[in-house]
C-alpha atoms as a PDB file:
ATOM      1  CA  UNK A   1       0.216  -0.011   0.086  1.00  0.00           C
ATOM      2  CA  UNK A   2       1.366   3.370  -0.857  1.00  0.00           C
ATOM      3  CA  UNK A   3       2.064   5.274   2.495  1.00  0.00           C
ATOM      4  CA  UNK A   4       3.170   8.872   3.219  1.00  0.00           C
ATOM      5  CA  UNK A   5       5.763   8.977   6.130  1.00  0.00           C
ATOM      6  CA  UNK A   6       6.123  12.733   7.544  1.00  0.00           C
ATOM      7  CA  UNK A   7       8.431  13.309  10.276  1.00  0.00           C
ATOM      8  CA  UNK A   8       9.591  16.498  12.681  1.00  0.00           C
ATOM      9  CA  UNK A   9      12.469  15.426  14.928  1.00  0.00           C
ATOM     10  CA  UNK A  10      14.646  18.082  17.014  1.00  0.00           C
ATOM     11  CA  UNK A  11      17.915  16.984  17.533  1.00  0.00           C
ATOM     12  CA  UNK A  12      20.298  16.526  14.403  1.00  0.00           C
ATOM     13  CA  UNK A  13      21.307  13.183  15.143  1.00  0.00           C
ATOM     14  CA  UNK A  14      18.076  11.476  15.844  1.00  0.00           C
ATOM     15  CA  UNK A  15      17.252  13.300  12.520  1.00  0.00           C
ATOM     16  CA  UNK A  16      19.910  11.685  10.447  1.00  0.00           C
ATOM     17  CA  UNK A  17      19.168   8.059  12.097  1.00  0.00           C
ATOM     18  CA  UNK A  18      15.635   8.412  11.229  1.00  0.00           C
ATOM     19  CA  UNK A  19      16.185  10.045   7.146  1.00  0.00           C
ATOM     20  CA  UNK A  20      18.800   6.883   7.131  1.00  0.00           C
ATOM     21  CA  UNK A  21      16.311   4.830   8.090  1.00  0.00           C
ATOM     22  CA  UNK A  22      13.171   5.225   6.190  1.00  0.00           C
ATOM     23  CA  UNK A  23      15.549   5.536   2.962  1.00  0.00           C
ATOM     24  CA  UNK A  24      15.192   1.352   3.301  1.00  0.00           C
ATOM     25  CA  UNK A  25      11.281   2.152   2.887  1.00  0.00           C
ATOM     26  CA  UNK A  26      11.012   4.529  -0.092  1.00  0.00           C
ATOM     27  CA  UNK A  27      11.334   7.677  -1.925  1.00  0.00           C
ATOM     28  CA  UNK A  28      12.321  10.675   0.056  1.00  0.00           C
ATOM     29  CA  UNK A  29       9.922  13.616  -1.829  1.00  0.00           C
ATOM     30  CA  UNK A  30      10.594  16.517   0.442  1.00  0.00           C
ATOM     31  CA  UNK A  31      13.049  17.208   3.194  1.00  0.00           C
ATOM     32  CA  UNK A  32      10.895  15.422   5.909  1.00  0.00           C
ATOM     33  CA  UNK A  33       8.481  13.043   3.797  1.00  0.00           C
ATOM     34  CA  UNK A  34       8.749   9.917   1.839  1.00  0.00           C
ATOM     35  CA  UNK A  35       6.654   7.939  -0.138  1.00  0.00           C
ATOM     36  CA  UNK A  36       6.231   4.410   0.611  1.00  0.00           C
ATOM     37  CA  UNK A  37       4.927   1.715  -1.211  1.00  0.00           C
ATOM     38  CA  UNK A  38       4.804  -1.353   2.115  1.00  0.00           C
ATOM     39  CA  UNK A  39       3.344  -3.301   3.535  1.00  0.00           C
ATOM     40  CA  UNK A  40       1.511  -3.407   7.402  1.00  0.00           C
ATOM     41  CA  UNK A  41       5.087  -5.913   8.493  1.00  0.00           C
ATOM     42  CA  UNK A  42       7.093  -2.790   7.201  1.00  0.00           C
ATOM     43  CA  UNK A  43       5.144  -0.106   9.253  1.00  0.00           C
ATOM     44  CA  UNK A  44       4.973  -2.186  12.459  1.00  0.00           C
ATOM     45  CA  UNK A  45       8.720  -2.353  11.791  1.00  0.00           C
ATOM     46  CA  UNK A  46       9.244   1.661  11.506  1.00  0.00           C
ATOM     47  CA  UNK A  47       6.443   2.177  14.310  1.00  0.00           C
ATOM     48  CA  UNK A  48       8.871   0.092  16.803  1.00  0.00           C
ATOM     49  CA  UNK A  49      12.308   1.807  15.782  1.00  0.00           C
ATOM     50  CA  UNK A  50      10.113   5.433  16.518  1.00  0.00           C
ATOM     51  CA  UNK A  51       9.400   4.051  19.983  1.00  0.00           C
ATOM     52  CA  UNK A  52      13.152   2.564  20.032  1.00  0.00           C
ATOM     53  CA  UNK A  53      14.892   5.702  18.860  1.00  0.00           C
ATOM     54  CA  UNK A  54      12.958   8.747  18.828  1.00  0.00           C
ATOM     55  CA  UNK A  55      12.335  10.887  21.771  1.00  0.00           C
ATOM     56  CA  UNK A  56       8.316  10.871  21.730  1.00  0.00           C
ATOM     57  CA  UNK A  57       8.182  14.267  23.878  1.00  0.00           C
ATOM     58  CA  UNK A  58       9.764  16.228  21.327  1.00  0.00           C
ATOM     59  CA  UNK A  59       9.787  14.403  17.884  1.00  0.00           C
ATOM     60  CA  UNK A  60       6.974  13.684  15.591  1.00  0.00           C
ATOM     61  CA  UNK A  61       6.767  10.529  12.942  1.00  0.00           C
ATOM     62  CA  UNK A  62       2.902  10.150  11.096  1.00  0.00           C
ATOM     63  CA  UNK A  63       1.842   7.614   9.025  1.00  0.00           C
ATOM     64  CA  UNK A  64      -0.984   8.177   6.345  1.00  0.00           C
ATOM     65  CA  UNK A  65      -2.450   5.440   4.284  1.00  0.00           C
ATOM     66  CA  UNK A  66      -2.827   6.657   0.931  1.00  0.00           C
ATOM     67  CA  UNK A  67      -6.098   4.631  -1.163  1.00  0.00           C
ATOM     68  CA  UNK A  68      -5.526   4.318  -4.814  1.00  0.00           C
ATOM     69  CA  UNK A  69      -8.364   6.094  -5.305  1.00  0.00           C
ATOM     70  CA  UNK A  70      -6.301   9.564  -3.900  1.00  0.00           C
ATOM     71  CA  UNK A  71      -3.349   8.308  -5.642  1.00  0.00           C
ATOM     72  CA  UNK A  72      -4.991   9.028  -8.765  1.00  0.00           C
ATOM     73  CA  UNK A  73      -5.578  12.567  -7.573  1.00  0.00           C
ATOM     74  CA  UNK A  74      -2.116  13.152  -6.374  1.00  0.00           C
ATOM     75  CA  UNK A  75      -0.788  16.181  -8.308  1.00  0.00           C
ATOM     76  CA  UNK A  76       2.787  17.096  -8.572  1.00  0.00           C
ATOM     77  CA  UNK A  77       3.635  20.859  -8.951  1.00  0.00           C
ATOM     78  CA  UNK A  78       7.555  21.725  -9.785  1.00  0.00           C
ATOM     79  CA  UNK A  79       9.953  19.079  -9.703  1.00  0.00           C
ATOM     80  CA  UNK A  80       9.560  15.774  -7.924  1.00  0.00           C
ATOM     81  CA  UNK A  81       8.021  12.062  -8.891  1.00  0.00           C
ATOM     82  CA  UNK A  82       5.295  10.208  -7.911  1.00  0.00           C
ATOM     83  CA  UNK A  83       5.109   7.382  -6.153  1.00  0.00           C
ATOM     84  CA  UNK A  84       3.262   4.343  -7.718  1.00  0.00           C
ATOM     85  CA  UNK A  85       1.588   1.106  -5.991  1.00  0.00           C
ATOM     86  CA  UNK A  86       3.944  -1.575  -7.440  1.00  0.00           C
ATOM     87  CA  UNK A  87       2.470  -5.170  -9.100  1.00  0.00           C
ATOM     88  CA  UNK A  88       5.420  -6.543  -7.993  1.00  0.00           C
ATOM     89  CA  UNK A  89       7.903  -7.061  -5.158  1.00  0.00           C
ATOM     90  CA  UNK A  90      11.780  -6.962  -5.264  1.00  0.00           C
ATOM     91  CA  UNK A  91      13.437  -9.634  -3.234  1.00  0.00           C
END
């Protein structure tokens, strides 16, 4: 499923660690935004990593599921690519 992950991390070391970790899951489309084609297991892994590595009182990570119908309505203005749901999985 297409998932949008946004984050606001207050400390540079945690910010860089979060960015590096999320690169495993999707495409960084803006400074604090990743668009991913991931399953529920990946979301559980991301949530567990956030619990273990972030300051919950100061940092924020948001995970939004984007339905196929909504993806058809996404408009990109300027530079950038639009993530689409893959029909296959790379192993």
